[in-house]
């Protein structure tokens, strides 16, 4: 009997892979990796890039149920949730999604995801370039690395509370962030996306083996 595992990657433009004209972003790198390393069998590991540019945790709650229902494998779903970079942005002195609401939204997102999967991973927020840290962008948004730490701690606490996975991209890219970030200081460049995918390749190997 054919066995199908779905990998569902939800998030914002960083999940989508914006600013990477070489590899298409970390999710697309993993999609190619899974295809290249998949054993010759009738089973499948199918990865879906469901990132949407500009999306916040509040936006995600509006689409989570129909999206997951439309891509629900009877065998196994692996779900990644990468939010916060837009939530913590400030515009006209207010967060797009404040800390309290972010915690509520992400907790609710995890609870809903658990209806479809036991393999859920929260993806934390990347550091911003020092050149845009605390600087208002042309679109009127202001982001700070101080708030990245606060929102990342919320994500880590939720992962602990719900006993789910936690992907720490922040620590991996922080020390050399200026090398890994694009000119806008928010999105990774191709080197950054490649580094992110490299972190998750062992996890992809695990799920590939499950299809044997």
N, C-alpha and C. Protein backbone atom coordinates (compact mmCIF):
# COMPACT_ATOMS: atom_id res chain seq x y z
N UNK A 1 0.85 -1.20 0.00
CA UNK A 1 0.00 0.00 0.00
C UNK A 1 0.88 1.25 0.00
N UNK A 2 0.56 2.21 -0.84
CA UNK A 2 1.36 3.42 -0.96
C UNK A 2 1.26 4.26 0.31
N UNK A 3 2.40 4.74 0.79
CA UNK A 3 2.47 5.57 1.98
C UNK A 3 2.89 6.98 1.59
N UNK A 4 2.12 7.97 2.05
CA UNK A 4 2.40 9.36 1.70
C UNK A 4 2.56 10.19 2.98
N UNK A 5 3.67 10.89 3.08
CA UNK A 5 3.89 11.84 4.17
C UNK A 5 3.89 13.25 3.58
N UNK A 6 3.12 14.14 4.19
CA UNK A 6 3.08 15.54 3.75
C UNK A 6 3.89 16.39 4.72
N UNK A 7 4.72 17.26 4.18
CA UNK A 7 5.39 18.29 4.96
C UNK A 7 4.75 19.63 4.63
N UNK A 8 4.14 20.27 5.62
CA UNK A 8 3.41 21.52 5.40
C UNK A 8 4.18 22.66 6.06
N UNK A 9 4.66 23.60 5.27
CA UNK A 9 5.47 24.70 5.76
C UNK A 9 4.68 26.00 5.68
N UNK A 10 4.18 26.45 6.83
CA UNK A 10 3.40 27.69 6.91
C UNK A 10 4.30 28.81 7.43
N UNK A 11 4.05 30.03 6.95
CA UNK A 11 4.83 31.16 7.43
C UNK A 11 4.66 32.37 6.55
N UNK A 12 5.60 33.29 6.68
CA UNK A 12 5.55 34.55 5.95
C UNK A 12 6.48 34.49 4.73
N UNK A 13 6.99 35.65 4.31
CA UNK A 13 7.82 35.70 3.11
C UNK A 13 9.15 34.97 3.28
N UNK A 14 9.61 34.79 4.51
CA UNK A 14 10.85 34.06 4.74
C UNK A 14 10.63 32.56 4.50
N UNK A 15 9.46 32.07 4.86
CA UNK A 15 9.09 30.70 4.50
C UNK A 15 8.94 30.57 2.99
N UNK A 16 8.30 31.56 2.40
CA UNK A 16 8.08 31.55 0.95
C UNK A 16 9.39 31.56 0.17
N UNK A 17 10.42 32.25 0.72
CA UNK A 17 11.72 32.27 0.07
C UNK A 17 12.02 33.56 -0.67
N UNK A 18 11.38 34.64 -0.26
CA UNK A 18 11.59 35.93 -0.92
C UNK A 18 13.04 36.38 -0.83
N UNK A 19 13.50 37.02 -1.87
CA UNK A 19 14.86 37.56 -2.00
C UNK A 19 15.90 36.49 -2.34
N UNK A 20 15.46 35.28 -2.63
CA UNK A 20 16.40 34.24 -3.05
C UNK A 20 16.12 33.86 -4.49
N UNK A 21 16.86 34.49 -5.40
CA UNK A 21 16.69 34.19 -6.82
C UNK A 21 17.53 33.03 -7.30
N UNK A 22 18.29 32.44 -6.39
CA UNK A 22 19.17 31.33 -6.75
C UNK A 22 18.54 29.99 -6.41
N UNK A 23 18.16 29.81 -5.13
CA UNK A 23 17.65 28.51 -4.67
C UNK A 23 16.14 28.49 -4.44
N UNK A 24 15.52 29.67 -4.35
CA UNK A 24 14.08 29.72 -4.12
C UNK A 24 13.68 29.66 -2.66
N UNK A 25 14.67 29.75 -1.76
CA UNK A 25 14.36 29.72 -0.33
C UNK A 25 14.60 28.37 0.32
N UNK A 26 14.57 28.34 1.65
CA UNK A 26 14.94 27.12 2.39
C UNK A 26 13.96 25.98 2.19
N UNK A 27 12.69 26.28 2.03
CA UNK A 27 11.72 25.20 1.83
C UNK A 27 11.92 24.55 0.46
N UNK A 28 12.15 25.36 -0.56
CA UNK A 28 12.37 24.79 -1.89
C UNK A 28 13.67 23.99 -1.96
N UNK A 29 14.67 24.41 -1.21
CA UNK A 29 15.91 23.62 -1.14
C UNK A 29 15.61 22.24 -0.55
N UNK A 30 14.79 22.22 0.50
CA UNK A 30 14.44 20.94 1.13
C UNK A 30 13.57 20.08 0.20
N UNK A 31 12.72 20.73 -0.59
CA UNK A 31 11.90 19.98 -1.55
C UNK A 31 12.79 19.24 -2.54
N UNK A 32 13.79 19.93 -3.06
CA UNK A 32 14.72 19.29 -4.01
C UNK A 32 15.54 18.20 -3.32
N UNK A 33 15.93 18.47 -2.08
CA UNK A 33 16.71 17.48 -1.32
C UNK A 33 15.90 16.19 -1.12
N UNK A 34 14.64 16.35 -0.78
CA UNK A 34 13.79 15.17 -0.58
C UNK A 34 13.63 14.38 -1.87
N UNK A 35 13.46 15.08 -2.99
CA UNK A 35 13.32 14.38 -4.27
C UNK A 35 14.60 13.64 -4.66
N UNK A 36 15.75 14.28 -4.42
CA UNK A 36 17.03 13.68 -4.80
C UNK A 36 17.40 12.49 -3.93
N UNK A 37 16.95 12.49 -2.68
CA UNK A 37 17.35 11.45 -1.74
C UNK A 37 16.24 10.44 -1.45
N UNK A 38 15.14 10.59 -2.14
CA UNK A 38 14.03 9.68 -1.89
C UNK A 38 14.33 8.31 -2.46
N UNK A 39 14.10 7.25 -1.70
CA UNK A 39 14.36 5.90 -2.20
C UNK A 39 13.43 5.52 -3.35
N UNK A 40 13.87 4.62 -4.17
CA UNK A 40 13.05 4.17 -5.30
C UNK A 40 11.97 3.22 -4.78
N UNK A 41 10.81 3.78 -4.54
CA UNK A 41 9.69 2.98 -4.03
C UNK A 41 8.40 3.67 -4.45
N UNK A 42 7.29 3.11 -4.03
CA UNK A 42 5.99 3.69 -4.37
C UNK A 42 5.54 4.72 -3.33
N UNK A 43 6.34 4.91 -2.27
CA UNK A 43 5.98 5.85 -1.23
C UNK A 43 6.44 7.26 -1.59
N UNK A 44 5.87 8.25 -0.89
CA UNK A 44 6.17 9.64 -1.24
C UNK A 44 6.30 10.52 0.00
N UNK A 45 7.25 11.44 -0.06
CA UNK A 45 7.36 12.54 0.89
C UNK A 45 7.15 13.81 0.09
N UNK A 46 6.02 14.48 0.31
CA UNK A 46 5.64 15.65 -0.48
C UNK A 46 5.68 16.88 0.42
N UNK A 47 6.46 17.88 0.01
CA UNK A 47 6.60 19.10 0.78
C UNK A 47 5.85 20.25 0.11
N UNK A 48 5.06 20.97 0.90
CA UNK A 48 4.28 22.10 0.40
C UNK A 48 4.79 23.40 1.01
N UNK A 49 5.19 24.34 0.17
CA UNK A 49 5.57 25.67 0.64
C UNK A 49 4.32 26.53 0.68
N UNK A 50 3.85 26.82 1.90
CA UNK A 50 2.60 27.55 2.09
C UNK A 50 2.85 28.93 2.72
N UNK A 51 4.05 29.46 2.50
CA UNK A 51 4.37 30.78 3.01
C UNK A 51 3.69 31.88 2.22
N UNK A 52 3.27 32.94 2.91
CA UNK A 52 2.63 34.09 2.27
C UNK A 52 3.31 35.35 2.79
N UNK A 53 3.80 36.17 1.88
CA UNK A 53 4.47 37.40 2.25
C UNK A 53 3.59 38.33 3.06
N UNK A 54 4.14 38.87 4.15
CA UNK A 54 3.43 39.83 4.98
C UNK A 54 2.48 39.22 6.00
N UNK A 55 2.36 37.91 6.03
CA UNK A 55 1.38 37.27 6.91
C UNK A 55 1.82 37.33 8.37
N UNK A 56 0.86 37.56 9.24
CA UNK A 56 1.06 37.52 10.69
C UNK A 56 0.38 36.28 11.25
N UNK A 57 0.59 36.05 12.54
CA UNK A 57 -0.06 34.91 13.19
C UNK A 57 -1.58 35.06 13.16
N UNK A 58 -2.07 36.30 13.26
CA UNK A 58 -3.51 36.54 13.20
C UNK A 58 -4.07 36.19 11.82
N UNK A 59 -3.34 36.53 10.78
CA UNK A 59 -3.75 36.17 9.41
C UNK A 59 -3.80 34.66 9.24
N UNK A 60 -2.79 34.00 9.79
CA UNK A 60 -2.69 32.54 9.62
C UNK A 60 -3.88 31.82 10.21
N UNK A 61 -4.38 32.27 11.34
CA UNK A 61 -5.51 31.59 11.98
C UNK A 61 -6.75 31.59 11.09
N UNK A 62 -6.81 32.55 10.16
CA UNK A 62 -7.98 32.62 9.27
C UNK A 62 -7.94 31.54 8.19
N UNK A 63 -6.76 30.98 7.92
CA UNK A 63 -6.66 30.01 6.82
C UNK A 63 -6.18 28.63 7.26
N UNK A 64 -5.81 28.48 8.51
CA UNK A 64 -5.19 27.23 8.94
C UNK A 64 -6.09 26.01 8.72
N UNK A 65 -7.36 26.11 9.08
CA UNK A 65 -8.23 24.93 8.97
C UNK A 65 -8.44 24.47 7.53
N UNK A 66 -8.84 25.36 6.61
CA UNK A 66 -9.01 24.89 5.22
C UNK A 66 -7.72 24.44 4.57
N UNK A 67 -6.60 25.10 4.89
CA UNK A 67 -5.31 24.70 4.31
C UNK A 67 -4.92 23.30 4.75
N UNK A 68 -5.08 23.01 6.03
CA UNK A 68 -4.69 21.70 6.52
C UNK A 68 -5.67 20.62 6.08
N UNK A 69 -6.92 20.96 6.00
CA UNK A 69 -7.91 19.99 5.53
C UNK A 69 -7.66 19.61 4.08
N UNK A 70 -7.19 20.57 3.29
CA UNK A 70 -6.95 20.32 1.87
C UNK A 70 -5.70 19.47 1.64
N UNK A 71 -4.80 19.45 2.62
CA UNK A 71 -3.54 18.70 2.48
C UNK A 71 -3.33 17.85 3.72
N UNK A 72 -4.18 16.87 3.88
CA UNK A 72 -4.15 16.03 5.07
C UNK A 72 -3.87 14.59 4.68
N UNK A 73 -2.66 14.13 4.95
CA UNK A 73 -2.30 12.76 4.63
C UNK A 73 -2.82 11.81 5.71
N UNK A 74 -3.38 10.70 5.28
CA UNK A 74 -3.88 9.71 6.24
C UNK A 74 -2.74 9.05 7.00
N UNK A 75 -1.54 9.02 6.38
CA UNK A 75 -0.40 8.37 7.02
C UNK A 75 0.32 9.28 8.02
N UNK A 76 0.71 10.48 7.57
CA UNK A 76 1.44 11.38 8.46
C UNK A 76 1.55 12.78 7.83
N UNK A 77 1.39 13.78 8.70
CA UNK A 77 1.67 15.17 8.33
C UNK A 77 2.76 15.70 9.24
N UNK A 78 3.69 16.45 8.67
CA UNK A 78 4.71 17.15 9.45
C UNK A 78 4.50 18.64 9.21
N UNK A 79 4.29 19.39 10.28
CA UNK A 79 3.86 20.79 10.15
C UNK A 79 4.89 21.73 10.75
N UNK A 80 5.28 22.74 9.97
CA UNK A 80 6.21 23.78 10.42
C UNK A 80 5.47 25.12 10.43
N UNK A 81 5.61 25.86 11.52
CA UNK A 81 4.96 27.16 11.67
C UNK A 81 6.03 28.22 11.92
N UNK A 82 6.18 29.15 10.96
CA UNK A 82 7.21 30.18 11.08
C UNK A 82 6.63 31.58 11.05
N UNK A 83 6.31 32.11 12.23
CA UNK A 83 5.69 33.44 12.31
C UNK A 83 6.38 34.32 13.35
N UNK A 84 6.18 35.62 13.21
CA UNK A 84 6.70 36.56 14.19
C UNK A 84 7.40 37.76 13.60
N UNK A 85 8.06 37.60 12.46
CA UNK A 85 8.82 38.71 11.87
C UNK A 85 7.91 39.87 11.47
N UNK A 86 6.68 39.58 11.09
CA UNK A 86 5.72 40.64 10.80
C UNK A 86 4.95 41.06 12.04
N UNK A 87 4.65 40.11 12.90
CA UNK A 87 3.91 40.41 14.12
C UNK A 87 4.60 41.48 14.95
N UNK A 88 5.93 41.36 15.10
CA UNK A 88 6.68 42.27 15.97
C UNK A 88 7.01 43.61 15.32
N UNK A 89 6.68 43.75 14.05
CA UNK A 89 6.90 45.04 13.39
C UNK A 89 5.98 46.10 13.99
N UNK A 90 6.52 47.29 14.19
CA UNK A 90 5.72 48.39 14.73
C UNK A 90 5.38 49.38 13.61
N UNK A 91 4.14 49.85 13.64
CA UNK A 91 3.71 50.85 12.67
C UNK A 91 2.86 51.88 13.40
N UNK A 92 3.23 53.11 13.26
CA UNK A 92 2.56 54.21 13.96
C UNK A 92 2.52 53.97 15.46
N UNK A 93 3.64 53.40 15.98
CA UNK A 93 3.79 53.23 17.42
C UNK A 93 3.16 51.99 18.02
N UNK A 94 2.58 51.13 17.20
CA UNK A 94 1.92 49.93 17.73
C UNK A 94 2.40 48.68 16.99
N UNK A 95 2.51 47.57 17.71
CA UNK A 95 2.87 46.30 17.08
C UNK A 95 1.74 45.85 16.15
N UNK A 96 2.10 45.22 15.04
CA UNK A 96 1.05 44.63 14.20
C UNK A 96 0.30 43.57 14.98
N UNK A 97 1.03 42.78 15.78
CA UNK A 97 0.43 41.83 16.73
C UNK A 97 1.26 41.91 18.01
N UNK A 98 0.64 42.36 19.10
CA UNK A 98 1.41 42.53 20.32
C UNK A 98 1.78 41.19 20.96
N UNK A 99 2.63 41.23 21.97
CA UNK A 99 3.16 40.01 22.57
C UNK A 99 2.06 39.09 23.09
N UNK A 100 1.10 39.65 23.80
CA UNK A 100 0.02 38.84 24.38
C UNK A 100 -0.79 38.15 23.29
N UNK A 101 -1.15 38.90 22.26
CA UNK A 101 -1.94 38.31 21.18
C UNK A 101 -1.13 37.31 20.37
N UNK A 102 0.17 37.59 20.21
CA UNK A 102 1.04 36.65 19.50
C UNK A 102 1.07 35.30 20.22
N UNK A 103 1.20 35.34 21.52
CA UNK A 103 1.20 34.10 22.30
C UNK A 103 -0.12 33.35 22.15
N UNK A 104 -1.23 34.08 22.23
CA UNK A 104 -2.55 33.46 22.07
C UNK A 104 -2.71 32.85 20.68
N UNK A 105 -2.31 33.61 19.66
CA UNK A 105 -2.45 33.14 18.28
C UNK A 105 -1.63 31.89 18.01
N UNK A 106 -0.38 31.90 18.44
CA UNK A 106 0.49 30.76 18.17
C UNK A 106 0.08 29.54 18.99
N UNK A 107 -0.40 29.76 20.19
CA UNK A 107 -0.91 28.63 20.99
C UNK A 107 -2.13 28.02 20.31
N UNK A 108 -3.01 28.88 19.80
CA UNK A 108 -4.19 28.40 19.09
C UNK A 108 -3.80 27.68 17.80
N UNK A 109 -2.80 28.22 17.10
CA UNK A 109 -2.33 27.58 15.87
C UNK A 109 -1.79 26.18 16.15
N UNK A 110 -1.02 26.03 17.22
CA UNK A 110 -0.48 24.73 17.58
C UNK A 110 -1.60 23.76 17.95
N UNK A 111 -2.56 24.24 18.73
CA UNK A 111 -3.68 23.39 19.14
C UNK A 111 -4.46 22.89 17.93
N UNK A 112 -4.66 23.75 16.94
CA UNK A 112 -5.37 23.33 15.73
C UNK A 112 -4.52 22.37 14.90
N UNK A 113 -3.23 22.66 14.83
CA UNK A 113 -2.34 21.78 14.06
C UNK A 113 -2.30 20.38 14.66
N UNK A 114 -2.43 20.29 15.97
CA UNK A 114 -2.39 18.99 16.64
C UNK A 114 -3.58 18.10 16.27
N UNK A 115 -4.61 18.68 15.69
CA UNK A 115 -5.73 17.88 15.19
C UNK A 115 -5.34 17.09 13.94
N UNK A 116 -4.24 17.53 13.30
CA UNK A 116 -3.81 16.92 12.05
C UNK A 116 -2.47 16.20 12.15
N UNK A 117 -1.72 16.46 13.22
CA UNK A 117 -0.36 15.92 13.27
C UNK A 117 0.18 15.88 14.69
N UNK A 118 1.05 14.89 14.92
CA UNK A 118 1.82 14.84 16.16
C UNK A 118 3.24 15.36 15.96
N UNK A 119 3.56 15.72 14.72
CA UNK A 119 4.89 16.22 14.39
C UNK A 119 4.79 17.68 13.98
N UNK A 120 4.91 18.56 14.96
CA UNK A 120 4.77 20.00 14.74
C UNK A 120 6.04 20.70 15.21
N UNK A 121 6.49 21.68 14.42
CA UNK A 121 7.71 22.41 14.75
C UNK A 121 7.46 23.91 14.64
N UNK A 122 7.81 24.63 15.70
CA UNK A 122 7.79 26.09 15.64
C UNK A 122 9.15 26.57 15.17
N UNK A 123 9.14 27.49 14.22
CA UNK A 123 10.37 28.04 13.65
C UNK A 123 10.55 29.45 14.20
N UNK A 124 11.70 29.72 14.82
CA UNK A 124 11.84 31.04 15.43
C UNK A 124 12.24 32.11 14.42
N UNK A 125 12.31 33.34 14.91
CA UNK A 125 12.49 34.53 14.06
C UNK A 125 13.97 34.81 13.87
N UNK A 126 14.34 35.18 12.68
CA UNK A 126 15.73 35.49 12.38
C UNK A 126 16.13 36.86 12.94
N UNK A 127 17.43 37.06 13.19
CA UNK A 127 17.88 38.40 13.59
C UNK A 127 17.80 39.36 12.41
N UNK A 128 17.70 40.64 12.71
CA UNK A 128 17.70 41.67 11.68
C UNK A 128 19.09 42.30 11.58
N UNK A 129 19.38 42.83 10.44
CA UNK A 129 20.66 43.51 10.24
C UNK A 129 20.78 44.72 11.17
N UNK A 130 22.00 44.99 11.61
CA UNK A 130 22.23 46.16 12.46
C UNK A 130 21.86 47.45 11.75
N UNK A 131 21.84 47.42 10.44
CA UNK A 131 21.55 48.63 9.67
C UNK A 131 20.07 49.00 9.65
N UNK A 132 19.20 48.05 9.99
CA UNK A 132 17.77 48.36 10.01
C UNK A 132 17.18 48.18 11.41
N UNK A 133 18.01 47.77 12.36
CA UNK A 133 17.56 47.58 13.74
C UNK A 133 17.10 48.92 14.32
N UNK A 134 15.80 49.04 14.59
CA UNK A 134 15.25 50.27 15.14
C UNK A 134 15.08 51.40 14.15
N UNK A 135 15.20 51.08 12.87
CA UNK A 135 15.08 52.11 11.82
C UNK A 135 13.77 51.90 11.07
N UNK A 136 13.00 52.94 10.92
CA UNK A 136 11.73 52.82 10.21
C UNK A 136 11.98 52.61 8.72
N UNK A 137 11.33 51.63 8.14
CA UNK A 137 11.49 51.30 6.73
C UNK A 137 10.63 52.23 5.87
N UNK A 138 10.84 52.22 4.55
CA UNK A 138 10.03 53.08 3.67
C UNK A 138 8.53 52.81 3.77
N UNK A 139 8.15 51.58 4.14
CA UNK A 139 6.72 51.28 4.28
C UNK A 139 6.18 51.60 5.67
N UNK A 140 7.01 52.26 6.48
CA UNK A 140 6.54 52.73 7.79
C UNK A 140 6.66 51.73 8.92
N UNK A 141 7.31 50.59 8.68
CA UNK A 141 7.45 49.56 9.71
C UNK A 141 8.81 49.65 10.38
N UNK A 142 8.81 49.39 11.67
CA UNK A 142 10.05 49.44 12.46
C UNK A 142 10.21 48.13 13.21
N UNK A 143 11.39 47.53 13.10
CA UNK A 143 11.67 46.26 13.76
C UNK A 143 12.95 46.40 14.60
N UNK A 144 13.00 45.69 15.73
CA UNK A 144 14.20 45.72 16.55
C UNK A 144 14.61 44.30 16.94
N UNK A 145 15.90 44.11 17.10
CA UNK A 145 16.40 42.81 17.53
C UNK A 145 16.02 42.52 18.99
N UNK A 146 15.81 43.57 19.75
CA UNK A 146 15.35 43.36 21.13
C UNK A 146 14.00 42.65 21.15
N UNK A 147 13.11 43.05 20.25
CA UNK A 147 11.80 42.40 20.19
C UNK A 147 11.88 41.00 19.60
N UNK A 148 12.85 40.76 18.75
CA UNK A 148 13.04 39.39 18.24
C UNK A 148 13.28 38.43 19.40
N UNK A 149 14.10 38.83 20.34
CA UNK A 149 14.39 37.97 21.50
C UNK A 149 13.13 37.72 22.33
N UNK A 150 12.32 38.74 22.48
CA UNK A 150 11.09 38.60 23.27
C UNK A 150 10.11 37.65 22.58
N UNK A 151 9.90 37.84 21.30
CA UNK A 151 8.96 36.99 20.57
C UNK A 151 9.50 35.57 20.40
N UNK A 152 10.80 35.44 20.24
CA UNK A 152 11.38 34.10 20.15
C UNK A 152 11.22 33.33 21.45
N UNK A 153 11.32 34.03 22.57
CA UNK A 153 11.12 33.36 23.86
C UNK A 153 9.68 32.88 23.99
N UNK A 154 8.75 33.65 23.48
CA UNK A 154 7.34 33.22 23.48
C UNK A 154 7.20 31.93 22.69
N UNK A 155 7.82 31.86 21.52
CA UNK A 155 7.74 30.65 20.70
C UNK A 155 8.38 29.46 21.41
N UNK A 156 9.52 29.68 22.01
CA UNK A 156 10.19 28.59 22.71
C UNK A 156 9.36 28.09 23.89
N UNK A 157 8.74 29.01 24.60
CA UNK A 157 7.89 28.63 25.74
C UNK A 157 6.68 27.81 25.27
N UNK A 158 6.10 28.20 24.14
CA UNK A 158 4.96 27.45 23.61
C UNK A 158 5.39 26.04 23.19
N UNK A 159 6.55 25.95 22.55
CA UNK A 159 7.06 24.63 22.14
C UNK A 159 7.25 23.73 23.35
N UNK A 160 7.75 24.28 24.44
CA UNK A 160 7.94 23.50 25.67
C UNK A 160 6.59 23.11 26.27
N UNK A 161 5.67 24.05 26.31
CA UNK A 161 4.35 23.80 26.90
C UNK A 161 3.60 22.69 26.16
N UNK A 162 3.69 22.69 24.84
CA UNK A 162 2.95 21.71 24.04
C UNK A 162 3.79 20.49 23.67
N UNK A 163 5.04 20.46 24.13
CA UNK A 163 5.94 19.32 23.85
C UNK A 163 6.07 19.07 22.35
N UNK A 164 6.36 20.15 21.62
CA UNK A 164 6.54 20.03 20.17
C UNK A 164 7.95 20.48 19.80
N UNK A 165 8.31 20.33 18.53
CA UNK A 165 9.65 20.68 18.08
C UNK A 165 9.87 22.18 18.00
N UNK A 166 11.15 22.55 18.05
CA UNK A 166 11.52 23.97 17.98
C UNK A 166 12.75 24.09 17.09
N UNK A 167 12.64 24.88 16.03
CA UNK A 167 13.74 25.07 15.09
C UNK A 167 14.39 26.42 15.37
N UNK A 168 15.65 26.39 15.79
CA UNK A 168 16.34 27.61 16.20
C UNK A 168 17.23 28.14 15.07
N UNK A 169 16.61 28.78 14.10
CA UNK A 169 17.37 29.42 13.03
C UNK A 169 18.12 30.65 13.54
N UNK A 170 17.54 31.31 14.54
CA UNK A 170 18.13 32.55 15.06
C UNK A 170 19.58 32.34 15.50
N UNK A 171 19.82 31.34 16.34
CA UNK A 171 21.16 31.10 16.87
C UNK A 171 22.15 30.74 15.77
N UNK A 172 21.66 30.02 14.77
CA UNK A 172 22.54 29.57 13.69
C UNK A 172 23.02 30.72 12.82
N UNK A 173 22.19 31.76 12.66
CA UNK A 173 22.53 32.85 11.75
C UNK A 173 23.00 34.12 12.46
N UNK A 174 22.79 34.21 13.77
CA UNK A 174 22.98 35.47 14.47
C UNK A 174 24.41 36.00 14.40
N UNK A 175 25.39 35.16 14.66
CA UNK A 175 26.77 35.63 14.75
C UNK A 175 27.25 36.25 13.45
N UNK A 176 26.86 35.64 12.33
CA UNK A 176 27.29 36.14 11.01
C UNK A 176 26.10 36.65 10.20
N UNK A 177 25.18 37.30 10.88
CA UNK A 177 23.93 37.68 10.23
C UNK A 177 24.13 38.60 9.03
N UNK A 178 25.13 39.46 9.07
CA UNK A 178 25.31 40.39 7.95
C UNK A 178 25.73 39.66 6.68
N UNK A 179 26.31 38.48 6.83
CA UNK A 179 26.68 37.64 5.69
C UNK A 179 25.45 36.93 5.13
N UNK A 180 24.53 36.56 6.03
CA UNK A 180 23.40 35.73 5.65
C UNK A 180 22.14 36.50 5.27
N UNK A 181 22.13 37.82 5.49
CA UNK A 181 20.93 38.61 5.21
C UNK A 181 21.05 39.37 3.90
N UNK A 182 19.89 39.58 3.27
CA UNK A 182 19.85 40.34 2.02
C UNK A 182 19.99 41.83 2.31
N UNK A 183 19.96 42.63 1.27
CA UNK A 183 20.16 44.07 1.44
C UNK A 183 19.06 44.74 2.25
N UNK A 184 17.88 44.12 2.30
CA UNK A 184 16.80 44.75 3.07
C UNK A 184 16.95 44.54 4.57
N UNK A 185 17.89 43.67 4.97
CA UNK A 185 18.18 43.45 6.37
C UNK A 185 17.19 42.59 7.12
N UNK A 186 16.16 42.11 6.44
CA UNK A 186 15.12 41.27 7.06
C UNK A 186 15.15 39.86 6.51
N UNK A 187 15.18 39.76 5.19
CA UNK A 187 15.14 38.44 4.55
C UNK A 187 16.55 37.87 4.36
N UNK A 188 16.69 36.56 4.43
CA UNK A 188 17.99 35.96 4.13
C UNK A 188 18.33 36.12 2.65
N UNK A 189 19.60 36.04 2.33
CA UNK A 189 20.03 35.91 0.95
C UNK A 189 20.19 34.42 0.65
N UNK A 190 20.74 34.09 -0.51
CA UNK A 190 20.86 32.67 -0.85
C UNK A 190 21.73 31.90 0.14
N UNK A 191 22.76 32.55 0.69
CA UNK A 191 23.62 31.88 1.69
C UNK A 191 22.83 31.61 2.97
N UNK A 192 22.01 32.57 3.35
CA UNK A 192 21.20 32.40 4.55
C UNK A 192 20.19 31.28 4.40
N UNK A 193 19.49 31.27 3.27
CA UNK A 193 18.50 30.22 3.05
C UNK A 193 19.17 28.84 2.98
N UNK A 194 20.33 28.78 2.38
CA UNK A 194 21.05 27.52 2.29
C UNK A 194 21.45 27.02 3.67
N UNK A 195 21.88 27.94 4.54
CA UNK A 195 22.24 27.57 5.91
C UNK A 195 21.02 27.06 6.68
N UNK A 196 19.88 27.69 6.46
CA UNK A 196 18.65 27.27 7.13
C UNK A 196 18.25 25.86 6.69
N UNK A 197 18.32 25.61 5.39
CA UNK A 197 17.96 24.28 4.88
C UNK A 197 18.91 23.21 5.42
N UNK A 198 20.18 23.56 5.52
CA UNK A 198 21.19 22.60 6.02
C UNK A 198 20.84 22.13 7.43
N UNK A 199 20.32 23.03 8.24
CA UNK A 199 19.94 22.68 9.62
C UNK A 199 18.84 21.62 9.64
N UNK A 200 17.93 21.70 8.67
CA UNK A 200 16.78 20.80 8.68
C UNK A 200 16.96 19.54 7.85
N UNK A 201 18.06 19.41 7.14
CA UNK A 201 18.26 18.22 6.32
C UNK A 201 18.26 16.93 7.14
N UNK A 202 18.88 16.89 8.33
CA UNK A 202 18.78 15.66 9.14
C UNK A 202 17.35 15.28 9.49
N UNK A 203 16.51 16.30 9.72
CA UNK A 203 15.10 16.02 10.02
C UNK A 203 14.40 15.46 8.79
N UNK A 204 14.74 15.98 7.61
CA UNK A 204 14.17 15.44 6.38
C UNK A 204 14.60 13.98 6.19
N UNK A 205 15.84 13.68 6.52
CA UNK A 205 16.31 12.29 6.43
C UNK A 205 15.47 11.37 7.30
N UNK A 206 15.11 11.87 8.48
CA UNK A 206 14.30 11.07 9.40
C UNK A 206 12.95 10.73 8.77
N UNK A 207 12.31 11.71 8.17
CA UNK A 207 10.99 11.47 7.60
C UNK A 207 11.07 10.69 6.31
N UNK A 208 12.16 10.84 5.57
CA UNK A 208 12.36 10.00 4.39
C UNK A 208 12.45 8.53 4.80
N UNK A 209 13.18 8.26 5.87
CA UNK A 209 13.31 6.86 6.35
C UNK A 209 11.97 6.29 6.77
N UNK A 210 11.07 7.14 7.24
CA UNK A 210 9.75 6.67 7.66
C UNK A 210 8.94 6.11 6.51
N UNK A 211 9.29 6.50 5.29
CA UNK A 211 8.53 6.04 4.14
C UNK A 211 9.00 4.69 3.62
N UNK A 212 10.11 4.20 4.16
CA UNK A 212 10.67 2.92 3.65
C UNK A 212 9.73 1.75 3.97
